[in-house]
Amino acid sequence: MVEEIQMTLDEAVEYVRNNVHVNDILEVSYNRIFAPGEVLGITEEDEVTGEGLRIGLQLTGEILNQSIEIDLKEIGDDLLEMRHIHEGKEIIIELI
């Protein structure tokens, strides 16, 4: 089952905070980058450093298979779409 929804950046950050869990699959498309991977962890915002909500991903791919951390505040202006897969349910979030 695939569900497509449109959200603002703030709504998408709240969605990630409340619905994305460790071991879920999250595919993030921003600017010209497509980063698919398994969620390793989610780190809350840090008011002291100004960092936003961060997602740790173990990238899945034929060429790259490394872990990265994506700061949603840092890529917010370039964020195009996220695809979240959890327990067989797939949600595509299009940023507006």
PDB file of N, CA and C in Angstrom:
ATOM      1  N   MET A   1       0.835  -1.181   0.000  1.00  0.00           N
ATOM      2  CA  MET A   1       0.000   0.000   0.000  1.00  0.00           C
ATOM      3  C   MET A   1       0.881   1.246   0.000  1.00  0.00           C
ATOM      4  N   VAL A   2       0.666   2.107  -0.963  1.00  0.00           N
ATOM      5  CA  VAL A   2       1.441   3.338  -1.070  1.00  0.00           C
ATOM      6  C   VAL A   2       0.498   4.514  -0.866  1.00  0.00           C
ATOM      7  N   GLU A   3       0.913   5.419   0.015  1.00  0.00           N
ATOM      8  CA  GLU A   3       0.134   6.629   0.287  1.00  0.00           C
ATOM      9  C   GLU A   3       1.015   7.829  -0.039  1.00  0.00           C
ATOM     10  N   GLU A   4       0.491   8.757  -0.803  1.00  0.00           N
ATOM     11  CA  GLU A   4       1.223   9.971  -1.153  1.00  0.00           C
ATOM     12  C   GLU A   4       0.578  11.162  -0.466  1.00  0.00           C
ATOM     13  N   ILE A   5       1.422  11.955   0.236  1.00  0.00           N
ATOM     14  CA  ILE A   5       0.913  13.132   0.926  1.00  0.00           C
ATOM     15  C   ILE A   5       1.852  14.310   0.683  1.00  0.00           C
ATOM     16  N   GLN A   6       1.304  15.518   0.797  1.00  0.00           N
ATOM     17  CA  GLN A   6       2.098  16.733   0.665  1.00  0.00           C
ATOM     18  C   GLN A   6       2.204  17.384   2.032  1.00  0.00           C
ATOM     19  N   MET A   7       3.405  17.876   2.348  1.00  0.00           N
ATOM     20  CA  MET A   7       3.652  18.510   3.648  1.00  0.00           C
ATOM     21  C   MET A   7       4.603  19.678   3.480  1.00  0.00           C
ATOM     22  N   THR A   8       4.517  20.596   4.433  1.00  0.00           N
ATOM     23  CA  THR A   8       5.525  21.648   4.534  1.00  0.00           C
ATOM     24  C   THR A   8       6.753  21.036   5.208  1.00  0.00           C
ATOM     25  N   LEU A   9       7.848  21.759   5.224  1.00  0.00           N
ATOM     26  CA  LEU A   9       9.056  21.256   5.874  1.00  0.00           C
ATOM     27  C   LEU A   9       8.809  20.984   7.356  1.00  0.00           C
ATOM     28  N   ASP A  10       8.141  21.905   8.041  1.00  0.00           N
ATOM     29  CA  ASP A  10       7.871  21.712   9.469  1.00  0.00           C
ATOM     30  C   ASP A  10       7.022  20.477   9.722  1.00  0.00           C
ATOM     31  N   GLU A  11       6.027  20.249   8.879  1.00  0.00           N
ATOM     32  CA  GLU A  11       5.180  19.059   9.021  1.00  0.00           C
ATOM     33  C   GLU A  11       5.981  17.786   8.757  1.00  0.00           C
ATOM     34  N   ALA A  12       6.880  17.837   7.777  1.00  0.00           N
ATOM     35  CA  ALA A  12       7.710  16.676   7.463  1.00  0.00           C
ATOM     36  C   ALA A  12       8.664  16.353   8.615  1.00  0.00           C
ATOM     37  N   VAL A  13       9.237  17.377   9.231  1.00  0.00           N
ATOM     38  CA  VAL A  13      10.118  17.155  10.384  1.00  0.00           C
ATOM     39  C   VAL A  13       9.335  16.515  11.521  1.00  0.00           C
ATOM     40  N   GLU A  14       8.134  17.001  11.773  1.00  0.00           N
ATOM     41  CA  GLU A  14       7.278  16.403  12.819  1.00  0.00           C
ATOM     42  C   GLU A  14       6.918  14.964  12.473  1.00  0.00           C
ATOM     43  N   TYR A  15       6.652  14.706  11.188  1.00  0.00           N
ATOM     44  CA  TYR A  15       6.351  13.346  10.759  1.00  0.00           C
ATOM     45  C   TYR A  15       7.520  12.417  11.069  1.00  0.00           C
ATOM     46  N   VAL A  16       8.736  12.843  10.711  1.00  0.00           N
ATOM     47  CA  VAL A  16       9.926  12.026  10.976  1.00  0.00           C
ATOM     48  C   VAL A  16      10.076  11.802  12.475  1.00  0.00           C
ATOM     49  N   ARG A  17       9.929  12.851  13.250  1.00  0.00           N
ATOM     50  CA  ARG A  17      10.077  12.757  14.692  1.00  0.00           C
ATOM     51  C   ARG A  17       9.096  11.738  15.297  1.00  0.00           C
ATOM     52  N   ASN A  18       7.858  11.728  14.811  1.00  0.00           N
ATOM     53  CA  ASN A  18       6.811  10.914  15.416  1.00  0.00           C
ATOM     54  C   ASN A  18       6.597   9.548  14.776  1.00  0.00           C
ATOM     55  N   ASN A  19       7.053   9.351  13.532  1.00  0.00           N
ATOM     56  CA  ASN A  19       6.698   8.122  12.824  1.00  0.00           C
ATOM     57  C   ASN A  19       7.856   7.281  12.314  1.00  0.00           C
ATOM     58  N   VAL A  20       9.026   7.850  12.186  1.00  0.00           N
ATOM     59  CA  VAL A  20      10.161   7.098  11.659  1.00  0.00           C
ATOM     60  C   VAL A  20      10.912   6.467  12.824  1.00  0.00           C
ATOM     61  N   HIS A  21      11.222   5.176  12.674  1.00  0.00           N
ATOM     62  CA  HIS A  21      11.866   4.410  13.740  1.00  0.00           C
ATOM     63  C   HIS A  21      13.150   3.763  13.220  1.00  0.00           C
ATOM     64  N   VAL A  22      14.006   3.377  14.153  1.00  0.00           N
ATOM     65  CA  VAL A  22      15.224   2.650  13.813  1.00  0.00           C
ATOM     66  C   VAL A  22      14.826   1.388  13.048  1.00  0.00           C
ATOM     67  N   ASN A  23      15.583   1.059  12.012  1.00  0.00           N
ATOM     68  CA  ASN A  23      15.400  -0.080  11.112  1.00  0.00           C
ATOM     69  C   ASN A  23      14.347   0.150  10.033  1.00  0.00           C
ATOM     70  N   ASP A  24      13.641   1.293  10.037  1.00  0.00           N
ATOM     71  CA  ASP A  24      12.751   1.632   8.928  1.00  0.00           C
ATOM     72  C   ASP A  24      13.612   1.967   7.714  1.00  0.00           C
ATOM     73  N   ILE A  25      13.005   1.950   6.545  1.00  0.00           N
ATOM     74  CA  ILE A  25      13.676   2.393   5.325  1.00  0.00           C
ATOM     75  C   ILE A  25      13.210   3.819   5.038  1.00  0.00           C
ATOM     76  N   LEU A  26      14.170   4.703   4.792  1.00  0.00           N
ATOM     77  CA  LEU A  26      13.855   6.091   4.475  1.00  0.00           C
ATOM     78  C   LEU A  26      14.689   6.493   3.269  1.00  0.00           C
ATOM     79  N   GLU A  27      14.021   6.964   2.241  1.00  0.00           N
ATOM     80  CA  GLU A  27      14.696   7.455   1.045  1.00  0.00           C
ATOM     81  C   GLU A  27      14.486   8.962   1.001  1.00  0.00           C
ATOM     82  N   VAL A  28      15.574   9.702   0.994  1.00  0.00           N
ATOM     83  CA  VAL A  28      15.507  11.158   1.036  1.00  0.00           C
ATOM     84  C   VAL A  28      16.034  11.714  -0.286  1.00  0.00           C
ATOM     85  N   SER A  29      15.241  12.554  -0.939  1.00  0.00           N
ATOM     86  CA  SER A  29      15.644  13.212  -2.183  1.00  0.00           C
ATOM     87  C   SER A  29      15.749  14.706  -1.925  1.00  0.00           C
ATOM     88  N   TYR A  30      16.942  15.244  -2.121  1.00  0.00           N
ATOM     89  CA  TYR A  30      17.142  16.682  -1.952  1.00  0.00           C
ATOM     90  C   TYR A  30      18.191  17.161  -2.941  1.00  0.00           C
ATOM     91  N   ASN A  31      17.947  18.356  -3.452  1.00  0.00           N
ATOM     92  CA  ASN A  31      18.805  18.938  -4.477  1.00  0.00           C
ATOM     93  C   ASN A  31      18.986  17.906  -5.582  1.00  0.00           C
ATOM     94  N   ARG A  32      20.173  17.441  -5.832  1.00  0.00           N
ATOM     95  CA  ARG A  32      20.407  16.394  -6.837  1.00  0.00           C
ATOM     96  C   ARG A  32      20.851  15.097  -6.184  1.00  0.00           C
ATOM     97  N   ILE A  33      20.545  14.930  -4.927  1.00  0.00           N
ATOM     98  CA  ILE A  33      21.002  13.775  -4.167  1.00  0.00           C
ATOM     99  C   ILE A  33      19.821  12.877  -3.826  1.00  0.00           C
ATOM    100  N   PHE A  34      20.031  11.576  -3.983  1.00  0.00           N
ATOM    101  CA  PHE A  34      19.049  10.582  -3.590  1.00  0.00           C
ATOM    102  C   PHE A  34      19.757   9.677  -2.590  1.00  0.00           C
ATOM    103  N   ALA A  35      19.271   9.664  -1.345  1.00  0.00           N
ATOM    104  CA  ALA A  35      19.923   8.898  -0.275  1.00  0.00           C
ATOM    105  C   ALA A  35      18.947   7.877   0.307  1.00  0.00           C
ATOM    106  N   PRO A  36      18.972   6.637  -0.223  1.00  0.00           N
ATOM    107  CA  PRO A  36      18.122   5.596   0.345  1.00  0.00           C
ATOM    108  C   PRO A  36      18.881   4.818   1.408  1.00  0.00           C
ATOM    109  N   GLY A  37      18.205   4.452   2.484  1.00  0.00           N
ATOM    110  CA  GLY A  37      18.904   3.673   3.492  1.00  0.00           C
ATOM    111  C   GLY A  37      18.032   3.257   4.652  1.00  0.00           C
ATOM    112  N   GLU A  38      18.640   2.473   5.513  1.00  0.00           N
ATOM    113  CA  GLU A  38      17.985   2.006   6.733  1.00  0.00           C
ATOM    114  C   GLU A  38      18.303   2.990   7.847  1.00  0.00           C
ATOM    115  N   VAL A  39      17.292   3.359   8.610  1.00  0.00           N
ATOM    116  CA  VAL A  39      17.464   4.331   9.686  1.00  0.00           C
ATOM    117  C   VAL A  39      18.253   3.687  10.830  1.00  0.00           C
ATOM    118  N   LEU A  40      19.372   4.323  11.169  1.00  0.00           N
ATOM    119  CA  LEU A  40      20.202   3.858  12.289  1.00  0.00           C
ATOM    120  C   LEU A  40      19.838   4.567  13.584  1.00  0.00           C
ATOM    121  N   GLY A  41      19.368   5.806  13.465  1.00  0.00           N
ATOM    122  CA  GLY A  41      19.013   6.575  14.645  1.00  0.00           C
ATOM    123  C   GLY A  41      18.513   7.953  14.277  1.00  0.00           C
ATOM    124  N   ILE A  42      17.826   8.569  15.226  1.00  0.00           N
ATOM    125  CA  ILE A  42      17.303   9.927  15.047  1.00  0.00           C
ATOM    126  C   ILE A  42      17.776  10.755  16.227  1.00  0.00           C
ATOM    127  N   THR A  43      18.390  11.893  15.935  1.00  0.00           N
ATOM    128  CA  THR A  43      18.916  12.770  16.970  1.00  0.00           C
ATOM    129  C   THR A  43      18.102  14.054  16.977  1.00  0.00           C
ATOM    130  N   GLU A  44      17.583  14.405  18.132  1.00  0.00           N
ATOM    131  CA  GLU A  44      16.754  15.614  18.279  1.00  0.00           C
ATOM    132  C   GLU A  44      17.568  16.876  18.011  1.00  0.00           C
ATOM    133  N   GLU A  45      16.867  17.962  17.793  1.00  0.00           N
ATOM    134  CA  GLU A  45      17.498  19.256  17.566  1.00  0.00           C
ATOM    135  C   GLU A  45      18.377  19.637  18.746  1.00  0.00           C
ATOM    136  N   ASP A  46      19.397  20.430  18.451  1.00  0.00           N
ATOM    137  CA  ASP A  46      20.302  20.924  19.479  1.00  0.00           C
ATOM    138  C   ASP A  46      20.281  22.447  19.426  1.00  0.00           C
ATOM    139  N   GLU A  47      19.640  23.069  20.404  1.00  0.00           N
ATOM    140  CA  GLU A  47      19.514  24.531  20.415  1.00  0.00           C
ATOM    141  C   GLU A  47      20.856  25.225  20.597  1.00  0.00           C
ATOM    142  N   VAL A  48      21.786  24.572  21.270  1.00  0.00           N
ATOM    143  CA  VAL A  48      23.091  25.184  21.523  1.00  0.00           C
ATOM    144  C   VAL A  48      23.882  25.310  20.217  1.00  0.00           C
ATOM    145  N   THR A  49      23.913  24.240  19.415  1.00  0.00           N
ATOM    146  CA  THR A  49      24.690  24.261  18.177  1.00  0.00           C
ATOM    147  C   THR A  49      23.873  24.731  16.980  1.00  0.00           C
ATOM    148  N   GLY A  50      22.531  24.753  17.112  1.00  0.00           N
ATOM    149  CA  GLY A  50      21.671  25.165  16.012  1.00  0.00           C
ATOM    150  C   GLY A  50      21.361  24.055  15.031  1.00  0.00           C
ATOM    151  N   GLU A  51      21.805  22.832  15.330  1.00  0.00           N
ATOM    152  CA  GLU A  51      21.528  21.713  14.435  1.00  0.00           C
ATOM    153  C   GLU A  51      20.063  21.332  14.512  1.00  0.00           C
ATOM    154  N   GLY A  52      19.538  20.873  13.388  1.00  0.00           N
ATOM    155  CA  GLY A  52      18.150  20.439  13.330  1.00  0.00           C
ATOM    156  C   GLY A  52      18.026  18.958  13.616  1.00  0.00           C
ATOM    157  N   LEU A  53      16.842  18.417  13.410  1.00  0.00           N
ATOM    158  CA  LEU A  53      16.605  16.994  13.580  1.00  0.00           C
ATOM    159  C   LEU A  53      17.499  16.245  12.605  1.00  0.00           C
ATOM    160  N   ARG A  54      18.281  15.289  13.114  1.00  0.00           N
ATOM    161  CA  ARG A  54      19.243  14.558  12.292  1.00  0.00           C
ATOM    162  C   ARG A  54      18.860  13.084  12.211  1.00  0.00           C
ATOM    163  N   ILE A  55      19.000  12.534  11.011  1.00  0.00           N
ATOM    164  CA  ILE A  55      18.688  11.137  10.762  1.00  0.00           C
ATOM    165  C   ILE A  55      19.965  10.425  10.347  1.00  0.00           C
ATOM    166  N   GLY A  56      20.296   9.362  11.054  1.00  0.00           N
ATOM    167  CA  GLY A  56      21.431   8.522  10.675  1.00  0.00           C
ATOM    168  C   GLY A  56      20.932   7.421   9.757  1.00  0.00           C
ATOM    169  N   LEU A  57      21.563   7.275   8.589  1.00  0.00           N
ATOM    170  CA  LEU A  57      21.157   6.264   7.611  1.00  0.00           C
ATOM    171  C   LEU A  57      22.331   5.371   7.240  1.00  0.00           C
ATOM    172  N   GLN A  58      22.055   4.079   7.104  1.00  0.00           N
ATOM    173  CA  GLN A  58      22.999   3.150   6.492  1.00  0.00           C
ATOM    174  C   GLN A  58      22.575   3.058   5.036  1.00  0.00           C
ATOM    175  N   LEU A  59      23.336   3.699   4.154  1.00  0.00           N
ATOM    176  CA  LEU A  59      22.953   3.761   2.747  1.00  0.00           C
ATOM    177  C   LEU A  59      22.917   2.374   2.134  1.00  0.00           C
ATOM    178  N   THR A  60      21.952   2.181   1.244  1.00  0.00           N
ATOM    179  CA  THR A  60      21.855   0.933   0.499  1.00  0.00           C
ATOM    180  C   THR A  60      22.068   1.251  -0.967  1.00  0.00           C
ATOM    181  N   GLY A  61      22.930   0.525  -1.581  1.00  0.00           N
ATOM    182  CA  GLY A  61      23.205   0.757  -2.990  1.00  0.00           C
ATOM    183  C   GLY A  61      24.273  -0.193  -3.476  1.00  0.00           C
ATOM    184  N   GLU A  62      24.434  -0.245  -4.782  1.00  0.00           N
ATOM    185  CA  GLU A  62      25.429  -1.138  -5.360  1.00  0.00           C
ATOM    186  C   GLU A  62      26.834  -0.579  -5.247  1.00  0.00           C
ATOM    187  N   ILE A  63      26.954   0.746  -5.280  1.00  0.00           N
ATOM    188  CA  ILE A  63      28.281   1.359  -5.227  1.00  0.00           C
ATOM    189  C   ILE A  63      28.590   1.853  -3.810  1.00  0.00           C
ATOM    190  N   LEU A  64      27.650   2.590  -3.226  1.00  0.00           N
ATOM    191  CA  LEU A  64      27.856   3.133  -1.884  1.00  0.00           C
ATOM    192  C   LEU A  64      27.101   2.304  -0.855  1.00  0.00           C
ATOM    193  N   ASN A  65      27.764   2.014   0.237  1.00  0.00           N
ATOM    194  CA  ASN A  65      27.116   1.316   1.339  1.00  0.00           C
ATOM    195  C   ASN A  65      27.773   1.816   2.623  1.00  0.00           C
ATOM    196  N   GLN A  66      27.503   3.065   2.958  1.00  0.00           N
ATOM    197  CA  GLN A  66      28.115   3.680   4.123  1.00  0.00           C
ATOM    198  C   GLN A  66      27.052   4.354   4.962  1.00  0.00           C
ATOM    199  N   SER A  67      27.421   4.758   6.161  1.00  0.00           N
ATOM    200  CA  SER A  67      26.459   5.453   7.009  1.00  0.00           C
ATOM    201  C   SER A  67      26.692   6.961   6.910  1.00  0.00           C
ATOM    202  N   ILE A  68      25.585   7.701   6.921  1.00  0.00           N
ATOM    203  CA  ILE A  68      25.637   9.155   6.851  1.00  0.00           C
ATOM    204  C   ILE A  68      24.650   9.718   7.864  1.00  0.00           C
ATOM    205  N   GLU A  69      24.762  11.013   8.131  1.00  0.00           N
ATOM    206  CA  GLU A  69      23.801  11.709   8.972  1.00  0.00           C
ATOM    207  C   GLU A  69      23.283  12.906   8.195  1.00  0.00           C
ATOM    208  N   ILE A  70      21.953  13.022   8.119  1.00  0.00           N
ATOM    209  CA  ILE A  70      21.314  14.109   7.378  1.00  0.00           C
ATOM    210  C   ILE A  70      20.626  15.034   8.374  1.00  0.00           C
ATOM    211  N   ASP A  71      20.960  16.314   8.319  1.00  0.00           N
ATOM    212  CA  ASP A  71      20.339  17.337   9.158  1.00  0.00           C
ATOM    213  C   ASP A  71      19.193  17.953   8.358  1.00  0.00           C
ATOM    214  N   LEU A  72      17.952  17.704   8.783  1.00  0.00           N
ATOM    215  CA  LEU A  72      16.798  18.188   8.032  1.00  0.00           C
ATOM    216  C   LEU A  72      16.734  19.714   7.972  1.00  0.00           C
ATOM    217  N   LYS A  73      17.248  20.392   8.991  1.00  0.00           N
ATOM    218  CA  LYS A  73      17.262  21.856   8.963  1.00  0.00           C
ATOM    219  C   LYS A  73      18.241  22.348   7.895  1.00  0.00           C
ATOM    220  N   GLU A  74      19.378  21.687   7.796  1.00  0.00           N
ATOM    221  CA  GLU A  74      20.414  22.088   6.855  1.00  0.00           C
ATOM    222  C   GLU A  74      19.995  21.878   5.396  1.00  0.00           C
ATOM    223  N   ILE A  75      19.270  20.802   5.112  1.00  0.00           N
ATOM    224  CA  ILE A  75      18.871  20.525   3.729  1.00  0.00           C
ATOM    225  C   ILE A  75      17.442  20.973   3.437  1.00  0.00           C
ATOM    226  N   GLY A  76      16.779  21.603   4.402  1.00  0.00           N
ATOM    227  CA  GLY A  76      15.367  21.946   4.293  1.00  0.00           C
ATOM    228  C   GLY A  76      14.969  22.666   3.023  1.00  0.00           C
ATOM    229  N   ASP A  77      15.761  23.635   2.579  1.00  0.00           N
ATOM    230  CA  ASP A  77      15.413  24.395   1.376  1.00  0.00           C
ATOM    231  C   ASP A  77      15.500  23.554   0.102  1.00  0.00           C
ATOM    232  N   ASP A  78      16.297  22.480   0.138  1.00  0.00           N
ATOM    233  CA  ASP A  78      16.502  21.644  -1.038  1.00  0.00           C
ATOM    234  C   ASP A  78      15.724  20.334  -0.990  1.00  0.00           C
ATOM    235  N   LEU A  79      15.058  20.061   0.135  1.00  0.00           N
ATOM    236  CA  LEU A  79      14.350  18.795   0.310  1.00  0.00           C
ATOM    237  C   LEU A  79      13.158  18.719  -0.636  1.00  0.00           C
ATOM    238  N   LEU A  80      13.112  17.662  -1.436  1.00  0.00           N
ATOM    239  CA  LEU A  80      12.054  17.491  -2.425  1.00  0.00           C
ATOM    240  C   LEU A  80      11.030  16.443  -2.008  1.00  0.00           C
ATOM    241  N   GLU A  81      11.538  15.298  -1.534  1.00  0.00           N
ATOM    242  CA  GLU A  81      10.641  14.173  -1.271  1.00  0.00           C
ATOM    243  C   GLU A  81      11.299  13.193  -0.305  1.00  0.00           C
ATOM    244  N   MET A  82      10.469  12.520   0.478  1.00  0.00           N
ATOM    245  CA  MET A  82      10.926  11.429   1.331  1.00  0.00           C
ATOM    246  C   MET A  82       9.974  10.251   1.130  1.00  0.00           C
ATOM    247  N   ARG A  83      10.547   9.060   1.130  1.00  0.00           N
ATOM    248  CA  ARG A  83       9.757   7.838   1.040  1.00  0.00           C
ATOM    249  C   ARG A  83      10.061   7.032   2.302  1.00  0.00           C
ATOM    250  N   HIS A  84       9.023   6.751   3.077  1.00  0.00           N
ATOM    251  CA  HIS A  84       9.169   6.052   4.351  1.00  0.00           C
ATOM    252  C   HIS A  84       8.491   4.694   4.249  1.00  0.00           C
ATOM    253  N   ILE A  85       9.238   3.631   4.552  1.00  0.00           N
ATOM    254  CA  ILE A  85       8.683   2.274   4.521  1.00  0.00           C
ATOM    255  C   ILE A  85       8.798   1.699   5.923  1.00  0.00           C
ATOM    256  N   HIS A  86       7.642   1.325   6.482  1.00  0.00           N
ATOM    257  CA  HIS A  86       7.574   0.773   7.837  1.00  0.00           C
ATOM    258  C   HIS A  86       6.531  -0.336   7.847  1.00  0.00           C
ATOM    259  N   GLU A  87       6.963  -1.543   8.199  1.00  0.00           N
ATOM    260  CA  GLU A  87       6.074  -2.705   8.298  1.00  0.00           C
ATOM    261  C   GLU A  87       5.207  -2.887   7.055  1.00  0.00           C
ATOM    262  N   GLY A  88       5.825  -2.773   5.876  1.00  0.00           N
ATOM    263  CA  GLY A  88       5.124  -2.993   4.619  1.00  0.00           C
ATOM    264  C   GLY A  88       4.304  -1.824   4.116  1.00  0.00           C
ATOM    265  N   LYS A  89       4.152  -0.791   4.915  1.00  0.00           N
ATOM    266  CA  LYS A  89       3.398   0.397   4.503  1.00  0.00           C
ATOM    267  C   LYS A  89       4.384   1.426   3.961  1.00  0.00           C
ATOM    268  N   GLU A  90       4.050   2.001   2.812  1.00  0.00           N
ATOM    269  CA  GLU A  90       4.937   2.958   2.154  1.00  0.00           C
ATOM    270  C   GLU A  90       4.244   4.314   2.052  1.00  0.00           C
ATOM    271  N   ILE A  91       4.921   5.348   2.553  1.00  0.00           N
ATOM    272  CA  ILE A  91       4.385   6.709   2.506  1.00  0.00           C
ATOM    273  C   ILE A  91       5.382   7.586   1.757  1.00  0.00           C
ATOM    274  N   ILE A  92       4.876   8.274   0.743  1.00  0.00           N
ATOM    275  CA  ILE A  92       5.695   9.209  -0.021  1.00  0.00           C
ATOM    276  C   ILE A  92       5.283  10.610   0.404  1.00  0.00           C
ATOM    277  N   ILE A  93       6.256  11.364   0.888  1.00  0.00           N
ATOM    278  CA  ILE A  93       6.005  12.727   1.352  1.00  0.00           C
ATOM    279  C   ILE A  93       6.628  13.682   0.341  1.00  0.00           C
ATOM    280  N   GLU A  94       5.777  14.472  -0.294  1.00  0.00           N
ATOM    281  CA  GLU A  94       6.226  15.498  -1.237  1.00  0.00           C
ATOM    282  C   GLU A  94       6.228  16.826  -0.503  1.00  0.00           C
ATOM    283  N   LEU A  95       7.364  17.521  -0.518  1.00  0.00           N
ATOM    284  CA  LEU A  95       7.469  18.807   0.167  1.00  0.00           C
ATOM    285  C   LEU A  95       6.889  19.919  -0.694  1.00  0.00           C
ATOM    286  N   ILE A  96       6.092  20.780  -0.055  1.00  0.00           N
ATOM    287  CA  ILE A  96       5.498  21.913  -0.770  1.00  0.00           C
ATOM    288  C   ILE A  96       6.055  23.209  -0.225  1.00  0.00           C
TER     289      ILE A  96
END
